[in-house]
């Protein structure tokens, strides 16, 4: 059983390597929108404060008339803060 699984994995690697070397554009089309995307994906979010002072961050802009900030993040960019270090 493990030999069949190993053979299938090897076949997938060989096919992916072929497309990566000889037909990269076609490979990018197949992988677009998946975690395996070769080029970074940009995500756009909207940040605003409501009448009560609470912050909101969503994927859709707020109602018309509400001031908001548009934030853009690339999938290859780390947006988490660094962990504190002990001295």
PDB file of N, CA and C in Angstrom:
ATOM      1  N   UNK A   1       0.823  -1.200   0.000  1.00  0.00           N
ATOM      2  CA  UNK A   1       0.000   0.000   0.000  1.00  0.00           C
ATOM      3  C   UNK A   1       0.865   1.262   0.000  1.00  0.00           C
ATOM      4  N   UNK A   2       1.906   1.278   0.842  1.00  0.00           N
ATOM      5  CA  UNK A   2       2.754   2.467   0.916  1.00  0.00           C
ATOM      6  C   UNK A   2       3.520   2.685  -0.376  1.00  0.00           C
ATOM      7  N   UNK A   3       3.794   1.612  -1.115  1.00  0.00           N
ATOM      8  CA  UNK A   3       4.491   1.745  -2.401  1.00  0.00           C
ATOM      9  C   UNK A   3       3.608   2.457  -3.428  1.00  0.00           C
ATOM     10  N   UNK A   4       2.320   2.151  -3.402  1.00  0.00           N
ATOM     11  CA  UNK A   4       1.389   2.821  -4.321  1.00  0.00           C
ATOM     12  C   UNK A   4       1.315   4.304  -3.983  1.00  0.00           C
ATOM     13  N   UNK A   5       1.199   4.609  -2.701  1.00  0.00           N
ATOM     14  CA  UNK A   5       1.144   6.004  -2.263  1.00  0.00           C
ATOM     15  C   UNK A   5       2.434   6.744  -2.624  1.00  0.00           C
ATOM     16  N   UNK A   6       3.559   6.104  -2.423  1.00  0.00           N
ATOM     17  CA  UNK A   6       4.837   6.701  -2.776  1.00  0.00           C
ATOM     18  C   UNK A   6       4.932   6.936  -4.285  1.00  0.00           C
ATOM     19  N   UNK A   7       4.450   5.975  -5.069  1.00  0.00           N
ATOM     20  CA  UNK A   7       4.456   6.118  -6.523  1.00  0.00           C
ATOM     21  C   UNK A   7       3.586   7.274  -6.985  1.00  0.00           C
ATOM     22  N   UNK A   8       2.408   7.424  -6.395  1.00  0.00           N
ATOM     23  CA  UNK A   8       1.504   8.524  -6.751  1.00  0.00           C
ATOM     24  C   UNK A   8       2.141   9.868  -6.385  1.00  0.00           C
ATOM     25  N   UNK A   9       2.744   9.955  -5.210  1.00  0.00           N
ATOM     26  CA  UNK A   9       3.411  11.197  -4.791  1.00  0.00           C
ATOM     27  C   UNK A   9       4.554  11.536  -5.737  1.00  0.00           C
ATOM     28  N   UNK A  10       5.322  10.551  -6.122  1.00  0.00           N
ATOM     29  CA  UNK A  10       6.427  10.776  -7.046  1.00  0.00           C
ATOM     30  C   UNK A  10       5.916  11.257  -8.399  1.00  0.00           C
ATOM     31  N   UNK A  11       4.834  10.672  -8.876  1.00  0.00           N
ATOM     32  CA  UNK A  11       4.245  11.086 -10.146  1.00  0.00           C
ATOM     33  C   UNK A  11       3.776  12.542 -10.085  1.00  0.00           C
ATOM     34  N   UNK A  12       3.154  12.936  -8.988  1.00  0.00           N
ATOM     35  CA  UNK A  12       2.689  14.315  -8.822  1.00  0.00           C
ATOM     36  C   UNK A  12       3.874  15.280  -8.827  1.00  0.00           C
ATOM     37  N   UNK A  13       4.953  14.912  -8.155  1.00  0.00           N
ATOM     38  CA  UNK A  13       6.146  15.757  -8.116  1.00  0.00           C
ATOM     39  C   UNK A  13       6.746  15.910  -9.507  1.00  0.00           C
ATOM     40  N   UNK A  14       6.820  14.826 -10.262  1.00  0.00           N
ATOM     41  CA  UNK A  14       7.389  14.878 -11.614  1.00  0.00           C
ATOM     42  C   UNK A  14       6.530  15.760 -12.525  1.00  0.00           C
ATOM     43  N   UNK A  15       5.222  15.618 -12.446  1.00  0.00           N
ATOM     44  CA  UNK A  15       4.326  16.435 -13.273  1.00  0.00           C
ATOM     45  C   UNK A  15       4.451  17.916 -12.894  1.00  0.00           C
ATOM     46  N   UNK A  16       4.477  18.212 -11.597  1.00  0.00           N
ATOM     47  CA  UNK A  16       4.614  19.602 -11.152  1.00  0.00           C
ATOM     48  C   UNK A  16       5.950  20.184 -11.590  1.00  0.00           C
ATOM     49  N   UNK A  17       7.012  19.398 -11.502  1.00  0.00           N
ATOM     50  CA  UNK A  17       8.331  19.881 -11.933  1.00  0.00           C
ATOM     51  C   UNK A  17       8.333  20.169 -13.427  1.00  0.00           C
ATOM     52  N   UNK A  18       7.698  19.316 -14.207  1.00  0.00           N
ATOM     53  CA  UNK A  18       7.619  19.530 -15.653  1.00  0.00           C
ATOM     54  C   UNK A  18       6.942  20.868 -15.957  1.00  0.00           C
ATOM     55  N   UNK A  19       5.772  21.105 -15.344  1.00  0.00           N
ATOM     56  CA  UNK A  19       5.051  22.350 -15.593  1.00  0.00           C
ATOM     57  C   UNK A  19       5.828  23.558 -15.065  1.00  0.00           C
ATOM     58  N   UNK A  20       6.516  23.391 -13.939  1.00  0.00           N
ATOM     59  CA  UNK A  20       7.291  24.501 -13.372  1.00  0.00           C
ATOM     60  C   UNK A  20       8.415  24.908 -14.315  1.00  0.00           C
ATOM     61  N   UNK A  21       9.058  23.939 -14.933  1.00  0.00           N
ATOM     62  CA  UNK A  21      10.194  24.221 -15.812  1.00  0.00           C
ATOM     63  C   UNK A  21       9.739  24.642 -17.207  1.00  0.00           C
ATOM     64  N   UNK A  22       8.780  23.930 -17.790  1.00  0.00           N
ATOM     65  CA  UNK A  22       8.450  24.135 -19.190  1.00  0.00           C
ATOM     66  C   UNK A  22       7.185  24.959 -19.458  1.00  0.00           C
ATOM     67  N   UNK A  23       6.260  24.989 -18.522  1.00  0.00           N
ATOM     68  CA  UNK A  23       4.998  25.694 -18.764  1.00  0.00           C
ATOM     69  C   UNK A  23       4.527  26.372 -17.485  1.00  0.00           C
ATOM     70  N   UNK A  24       5.343  27.301 -16.984  1.00  0.00           N
ATOM     71  CA  UNK A  24       5.069  27.959 -15.705  1.00  0.00           C
ATOM     72  C   UNK A  24       3.752  28.737 -15.723  1.00  0.00           C
ATOM     73  N   UNK A  25       3.419  29.376 -16.834  1.00  0.00           N
ATOM     74  CA  UNK A  25       2.176  30.149 -16.927  1.00  0.00           C
ATOM     75  C   UNK A  25       0.949  29.258 -16.710  1.00  0.00           C
ATOM     76  N   UNK A  26       0.962  28.096 -17.314  1.00  0.00           N
ATOM     77  CA  UNK A  26      -0.163  27.159 -17.156  1.00  0.00           C
ATOM     78  C   UNK A  26      -0.247  26.634 -15.718  1.00  0.00           C
ATOM     79  N   UNK A  27       0.917  26.388 -15.108  1.00  0.00           N
ATOM     80  CA  UNK A  27       0.939  25.942 -13.711  1.00  0.00           C
ATOM     81  C   UNK A  27       0.344  27.012 -12.808  1.00  0.00           C
ATOM     82  N   UNK A  28       0.696  28.287 -13.035  1.00  0.00           N
ATOM     83  CA  UNK A  28       0.147  29.377 -12.222  1.00  0.00           C
ATOM     84  C   UNK A  28      -1.367  29.475 -12.371  1.00  0.00           C
ATOM     85  N   UNK A  29      -1.892  29.212 -13.569  1.00  0.00           N
ATOM     86  CA  UNK A  29      -3.341  29.247 -13.781  1.00  0.00           C
ATOM     87  C   UNK A  29      -4.036  28.175 -12.946  1.00  0.00           C
ATOM     88  N   UNK A  30      -3.442  26.986 -12.873  1.00  0.00           N
ATOM     89  CA  UNK A  30      -4.055  25.891 -12.113  1.00  0.00           C
ATOM     90  C   UNK A  30      -3.967  26.116 -10.604  1.00  0.00           C
ATOM     91  N   UNK A  31      -2.887  26.749 -10.148  1.00  0.00           N
ATOM     92  CA  UNK A  31      -2.679  26.937  -8.719  1.00  0.00           C
ATOM     93  C   UNK A  31      -3.246  28.245  -8.195  1.00  0.00           C
ATOM     94  N   UNK A  32      -3.700  29.130  -9.077  1.00  0.00           N
ATOM     95  CA  UNK A  32      -4.204  30.436  -8.663  1.00  0.00           C
ATOM     96  C   UNK A  32      -5.371  30.292  -7.685  1.00  0.00           C
ATOM     97  N   UNK A  33      -5.278  30.996  -6.563  1.00  0.00           N
ATOM     98  CA  UNK A  33      -6.336  30.958  -5.557  1.00  0.00           C
ATOM     99  C   UNK A  33      -6.193  29.839  -4.548  1.00  0.00           C
ATOM    100  N   UNK A  34      -5.138  29.049  -4.639  1.00  0.00           N
ATOM    101  CA  UNK A  34      -4.881  27.988  -3.667  1.00  0.00           C
ATOM    102  C   UNK A  34      -3.675  28.379  -2.813  1.00  0.00           C
ATOM    103  N   UNK A  35      -3.453  27.690  -1.704  1.00  0.00           N
ATOM    104  CA  UNK A  35      -2.265  27.996  -0.894  1.00  0.00           C
ATOM    105  C   UNK A  35      -0.947  27.733  -1.628  1.00  0.00           C
ATOM    106  N   UNK A  36      -0.999  27.039  -2.746  1.00  0.00           N
ATOM    107  CA  UNK A  36       0.213  26.731  -3.504  1.00  0.00           C
ATOM    108  C   UNK A  36       0.517  27.763  -4.579  1.00  0.00           C
ATOM    109  N   UNK A  37      -0.206  28.872  -4.588  1.00  0.00           N
ATOM    110  CA  UNK A  37      -0.010  29.905  -5.596  1.00  0.00           C
ATOM    111  C   UNK A  37       1.443  30.348  -5.619  1.00  0.00           C
ATOM    112  N   UNK A  38       1.995  30.499  -6.820  1.00  0.00           N
ATOM    113  CA  UNK A  38       3.395  30.872  -6.959  1.00  0.00           C
ATOM    114  C   UNK A  38       3.623  32.354  -6.718  1.00  0.00           C
ATOM    115  N   UNK A  39       2.684  33.198  -7.092  1.00  0.00           N
ATOM    116  CA  UNK A  39       2.834  34.633  -6.869  1.00  0.00           C
ATOM    117  C   UNK A  39       1.931  35.035  -5.698  1.00  0.00           C
ATOM    118  N   UNK A  40       2.321  36.077  -4.948  1.00  0.00           N
ATOM    119  CA  UNK A  40       1.526  36.468  -3.782  1.00  0.00           C
ATOM    120  C   UNK A  40       0.140  36.985  -4.165  1.00  0.00           C
ATOM    121  N   UNK A  41      -0.811  36.717  -3.304  1.00  0.00           N
ATOM    122  CA  UNK A  41      -2.181  37.185  -3.478  1.00  0.00           C
ATOM    123  C   UNK A  41      -2.374  38.393  -2.563  1.00  0.00           C
ATOM    124  N   UNK A  42      -3.011  39.442  -3.064  1.00  0.00           N
ATOM    125  CA  UNK A  42      -3.274  40.630  -2.258  1.00  0.00           C
ATOM    126  C   UNK A  42      -4.692  40.560  -1.698  1.00  0.00           C
ATOM    127  N   UNK A  43      -4.784  40.743  -0.388  1.00  0.00           N
ATOM    128  CA  UNK A  43      -6.078  40.765   0.295  1.00  0.00           C
ATOM    129  C   UNK A  43      -6.365  42.200   0.711  1.00  0.00           C
ATOM    130  N   UNK A  44      -7.583  42.642   0.465  1.00  0.00           N
ATOM    131  CA  UNK A  44      -7.981  44.003   0.799  1.00  0.00           C
ATOM    132  C   UNK A  44      -9.044  43.954   1.886  1.00  0.00           C
ATOM    133  N   UNK A  45      -8.824  44.694   2.983  1.00  0.00           N
ATOM    134  CA  UNK A  45      -9.797  44.773   4.079  1.00  0.00           C
ATOM    135  C   UNK A  45     -10.085  46.241   4.381  1.00  0.00           C
ATOM    136  N   UNK A  46     -11.194  46.468   5.058  1.00  0.00           N
ATOM    137  CA  UNK A  46     -11.645  47.825   5.372  1.00  0.00           C
ATOM    138  C   UNK A  46     -11.737  47.979   6.887  1.00  0.00           C
ATOM    139  N   UNK A  47     -11.194  49.067   7.392  1.00  0.00           N
ATOM    140  CA  UNK A  47     -11.139  49.309   8.834  1.00  0.00           C
ATOM    141  C   UNK A  47     -11.835  50.640   9.133  1.00  0.00           C
ATOM    142  N   UNK A  48     -12.775  50.596  10.090  1.00  0.00           N
ATOM    143  CA  UNK A  48     -13.467  51.823  10.482  1.00  0.00           C
ATOM    144  C   UNK A  48     -13.956  51.699  11.910  1.00  0.00           C
ATOM    145  N   UNK A  49     -14.353  52.861  12.448  1.00  0.00           N
ATOM    146  CA  UNK A  49     -14.862  52.934  13.819  1.00  0.00           C
ATOM    147  C   UNK A  49     -16.327  53.311  13.766  1.00  0.00           C
ATOM    148  N   UNK A  50     -17.160  52.580  14.515  1.00  0.00           N
ATOM    149  CA  UNK A  50     -18.596  52.886  14.517  1.00  0.00           C
ATOM    150  C   UNK A  50     -18.906  54.015  15.498  1.00  0.00           C
ATOM    151  N   UNK A  51     -20.187  54.356  15.610  1.00  0.00           N
ATOM    152  CA  UNK A  51     -20.622  55.454  16.479  1.00  0.00           C
ATOM    153  C   UNK A  51     -20.319  55.223  17.947  1.00  0.00           C
ATOM    154  N   UNK A  52     -20.186  53.969  18.379  1.00  0.00           N
ATOM    155  CA  UNK A  52     -19.882  53.642  19.781  1.00  0.00           C
ATOM    156  C   UNK A  52     -18.385  53.618  20.056  1.00  0.00           C
ATOM    157  N   UNK A  53     -17.578  53.811  19.012  1.00  0.00           N
ATOM    158  CA  UNK A  53     -16.131  53.808  19.201  1.00  0.00           C
ATOM    159  C   UNK A  53     -15.479  52.450  18.989  1.00  0.00           C
ATOM    160  N   UNK A  54     -16.275  51.451  18.564  1.00  0.00           N
ATOM    161  CA  UNK A  54     -15.725  50.112  18.336  1.00  0.00           C
ATOM    162  C   UNK A  54     -15.114  50.016  16.946  1.00  0.00           C
ATOM    163  N   UNK A  55     -13.947  49.355  16.847  1.00  0.00           N
ATOM    164  CA  UNK A  55     -13.292  49.163  15.563  1.00  0.00           C
ATOM    165  C   UNK A  55     -13.880  47.969  14.843  1.00  0.00           C
ATOM    166  N   UNK A  56     -13.977  48.068  13.528  1.00  0.00           N
ATOM    167  CA  UNK A  56     -14.450  46.968  12.683  1.00  0.00           C
ATOM    168  C   UNK A  56     -13.461  46.785  11.544  1.00  0.00           C
ATOM    169  N   UNK A  57     -13.150  45.535  11.237  1.00  0.00           N
ATOM    170  CA  UNK A  57     -12.313  45.194  10.086  1.00  0.00           C
ATOM    171  C   UNK A  57     -13.043  44.097   9.329  1.00  0.00           C
ATOM    172  N   UNK A  58     -13.429  44.388   8.081  1.00  0.00           N
ATOM    173  CA  UNK A  58     -14.194  43.431   7.293  1.00  0.00           C
ATOM    174  C   UNK A  58     -13.694  43.401   5.853  1.00  0.00           C
ATOM    175  N   UNK A  59     -14.216  42.460   5.106  1.00  0.00           N
ATOM    176  CA  UNK A  59     -13.878  42.328   3.700  1.00  0.00           C
ATOM    177  C   UNK A  59     -14.755  43.163   2.783  1.00  0.00           C
ATOM    178  N   UNK A  60     -15.755  43.829   3.337  1.00  0.00           N
ATOM    179  CA  UNK A  60     -16.631  44.699   2.537  1.00  0.00           C
ATOM    180  C   UNK A  60     -16.604  46.101   3.143  1.00  0.00           C
ATOM    181  N   UNK A  61     -16.673  47.136   2.315  1.00  0.00           N
ATOM    182  CA  UNK A  61     -16.639  48.495   2.867  1.00  0.00           C
ATOM    183  C   UNK A  61     -17.901  48.792   3.686  1.00  0.00           C
ATOM    184  N   UNK A  62     -17.797  49.754   4.614  1.00  0.00           N
ATOM    185  CA  UNK A  62     -18.960  50.111   5.434  1.00  0.00           C
ATOM    186  C   UNK A  62     -19.993  50.886   4.625  1.00  0.00           C
ATOM    187  N   UNK A  63     -21.076  51.248   5.305  1.00  0.00           N
ATOM    188  CA  UNK A  63     -22.147  52.013   4.660  1.00  0.00           C
ATOM    189  C   UNK A  63     -21.607  53.332   4.116  1.00  0.00           C
ATOM    190  N   UNK A  64     -22.280  53.851   3.117  1.00  0.00           N
ATOM    191  CA  UNK A  64     -21.897  55.131   2.524  1.00  0.00           C
ATOM    192  C   UNK A  64     -21.935  56.220   3.594  1.00  0.00           C
ATOM    193  N   UNK A  65     -20.921  57.071   3.599  1.00  0.00           N
ATOM    194  CA  UNK A  65     -20.851  58.158   4.568  1.00  0.00           C
ATOM    195  C   UNK A  65     -19.958  57.844   5.755  1.00  0.00           C
ATOM    196  N   UNK A  66     -19.571  56.608   5.938  1.00  0.00           N
ATOM    197  CA  UNK A  66     -18.690  56.220   7.029  1.00  0.00           C
ATOM    198  C   UNK A  66     -17.239  56.319   6.554  1.00  0.00           C
ATOM    199  N   UNK A  67     -16.416  57.021   7.331  1.00  0.00           N
ATOM    200  CA  UNK A  67     -15.004  57.111   6.984  1.00  0.00           C
ATOM    201  C   UNK A  67     -14.334  55.776   7.285  1.00  0.00           C
ATOM    202  N   UNK A  68     -13.497  55.314   6.357  1.00  0.00           N
ATOM    203  CA  UNK A  68     -12.806  54.039   6.556  1.00  0.00           C
ATOM    204  C   UNK A  68     -11.435  54.083   5.920  1.00  0.00           C
ATOM    205  N   UNK A  69     -10.624  53.135   6.314  1.00  0.00           N
ATOM    206  CA  UNK A  69      -9.272  53.002   5.791  1.00  0.00           C
ATOM    207  C   UNK A  69      -9.185  51.662   5.052  1.00  0.00           C
ATOM    208  N   UNK A  70      -8.579  51.660   3.875  1.00  0.00           N
ATOM    209  CA  UNK A  70      -8.388  50.432   3.109  1.00  0.00           C
ATOM    210  C   UNK A  70      -6.982  49.906   3.380  1.00  0.00           C
ATOM    211  N   UNK A  71      -6.896  48.651   3.810  1.00  0.00           N
ATOM    212  CA  UNK A  71      -5.610  48.020   4.098  1.00  0.00           C
ATOM    213  C   UNK A  71      -5.387  46.894   3.101  1.00  0.00           C
ATOM    214  N   UNK A  72      -4.183  46.795   2.577  1.00  0.00           N
ATOM    215  CA  UNK A  72      -3.853  45.734   1.618  1.00  0.00           C
ATOM    216  C   UNK A  72      -2.699  44.913   2.163  1.00  0.00           C
ATOM    217  N   UNK A  73      -2.842  43.595   2.085  1.00  0.00           N
ATOM    218  CA  UNK A  73      -1.811  42.678   2.566  1.00  0.00           C
ATOM    219  C   UNK A  73      -1.493  41.656   1.481  1.00  0.00           C
ATOM    220  N   UNK A  74      -0.201  41.394   1.284  1.00  0.00           N
ATOM    221  CA  UNK A  74       0.229  40.342   0.374  1.00  0.00           C
ATOM    222  C   UNK A  74       0.348  39.037   1.154  1.00  0.00           C
ATOM    223  N   UNK A  75       0.057  37.921   0.489  1.00  0.00           N
ATOM    224  CA  UNK A  75       0.085  36.622   1.160  1.00  0.00           C
ATOM    225  C   UNK A  75       1.490  36.218   1.593  1.00  0.00           C
ATOM    226  N   UNK A  76       2.526  36.835   1.026  1.00  0.00           N
ATOM    227  CA  UNK A  76       3.887  36.496   1.426  1.00  0.00           C
ATOM    228  C   UNK A  76       4.449  37.490   2.450  1.00  0.00           C
ATOM    229  N   UNK A  77       3.574  38.262   3.087  1.00  0.00           N
ATOM    230  CA  UNK A  77       3.980  39.284   4.047  1.00  0.00           C
ATOM    231  C   UNK A  77       3.496  38.883   5.437  1.00  0.00           C
ATOM    232  N   UNK A  78       4.382  38.922   6.424  1.00  0.00           N
ATOM    233  CA  UNK A  78       4.025  38.596   7.797  1.00  0.00           C
ATOM    234  C   UNK A  78       3.475  39.846   8.464  1.00  0.00           C
ATOM    235  N   UNK A  79       2.231  39.802   8.930  1.00  0.00           N
ATOM    236  CA  UNK A  79       1.624  40.980   9.559  1.00  0.00           C
ATOM    237  C   UNK A  79       1.490  40.811  11.071  1.00  0.00           C
ATOM    238  N   UNK A  80       1.951  39.678  11.615  1.00  0.00           N
ATOM    239  CA  UNK A  80       1.894  39.456  13.052  1.00  0.00           C
ATOM    240  C   UNK A  80       3.080  40.126  13.722  1.00  0.00           C
ATOM    241  N   UNK A  81       2.885  40.676  14.912  1.00  0.00           N
ATOM    242  CA  UNK A  81       4.019  41.295  15.613  1.00  0.00           C
ATOM    243  C   UNK A  81       5.009  40.235  16.101  1.00  0.00           C
ATOM    244  N   UNK A  82       6.245  40.645  16.310  1.00  0.00           N
ATOM    245  CA  UNK A  82       7.245  39.730  16.826  1.00  0.00           C
ATOM    246  C   UNK A  82       6.946  39.375  18.267  1.00  0.00           C
ATOM    247  N   UNK A  83       7.335  38.182  18.683  1.00  0.00           N
ATOM    248  CA  UNK A  83       7.144  37.764  20.081  1.00  0.00           C
ATOM    249  C   UNK A  83       8.111  38.548  20.967  1.00  0.00           C
ATOM    250  N   UNK A  84       7.684  38.861  22.179  1.00  0.00           N
ATOM    251  CA  UNK A  84       8.584  39.602  23.080  1.00  0.00           C
ATOM    252  C   UNK A  84       9.812  38.746  23.416  1.00  0.00           C
ATOM    253  N   UNK A  85      10.920  39.413  23.599  1.00  0.00           N
ATOM    254  CA  UNK A  85      12.157  38.702  23.960  1.00  0.00           C
ATOM    255  C   UNK A  85      12.495  39.017  25.403  1.00  0.00           C
ATOM    256  N   UNK A  86      13.052  38.055  26.085  1.00  0.00           N
ATOM    257  CA  UNK A  86      13.466  38.283  27.467  1.00  0.00           C
ATOM    258  C   UNK A  86      14.926  38.682  27.476  1.00  0.00           C
ATOM    259  N   UNK A  87      15.246  39.671  28.275  1.00  0.00           N
ATOM    260  CA  UNK A  87      16.627  40.165  28.315  1.00  0.00           C
ATOM    261  C   UNK A  87      17.304  39.750  29.568  1.00  0.00           C
TER     262      UNK A  87
END
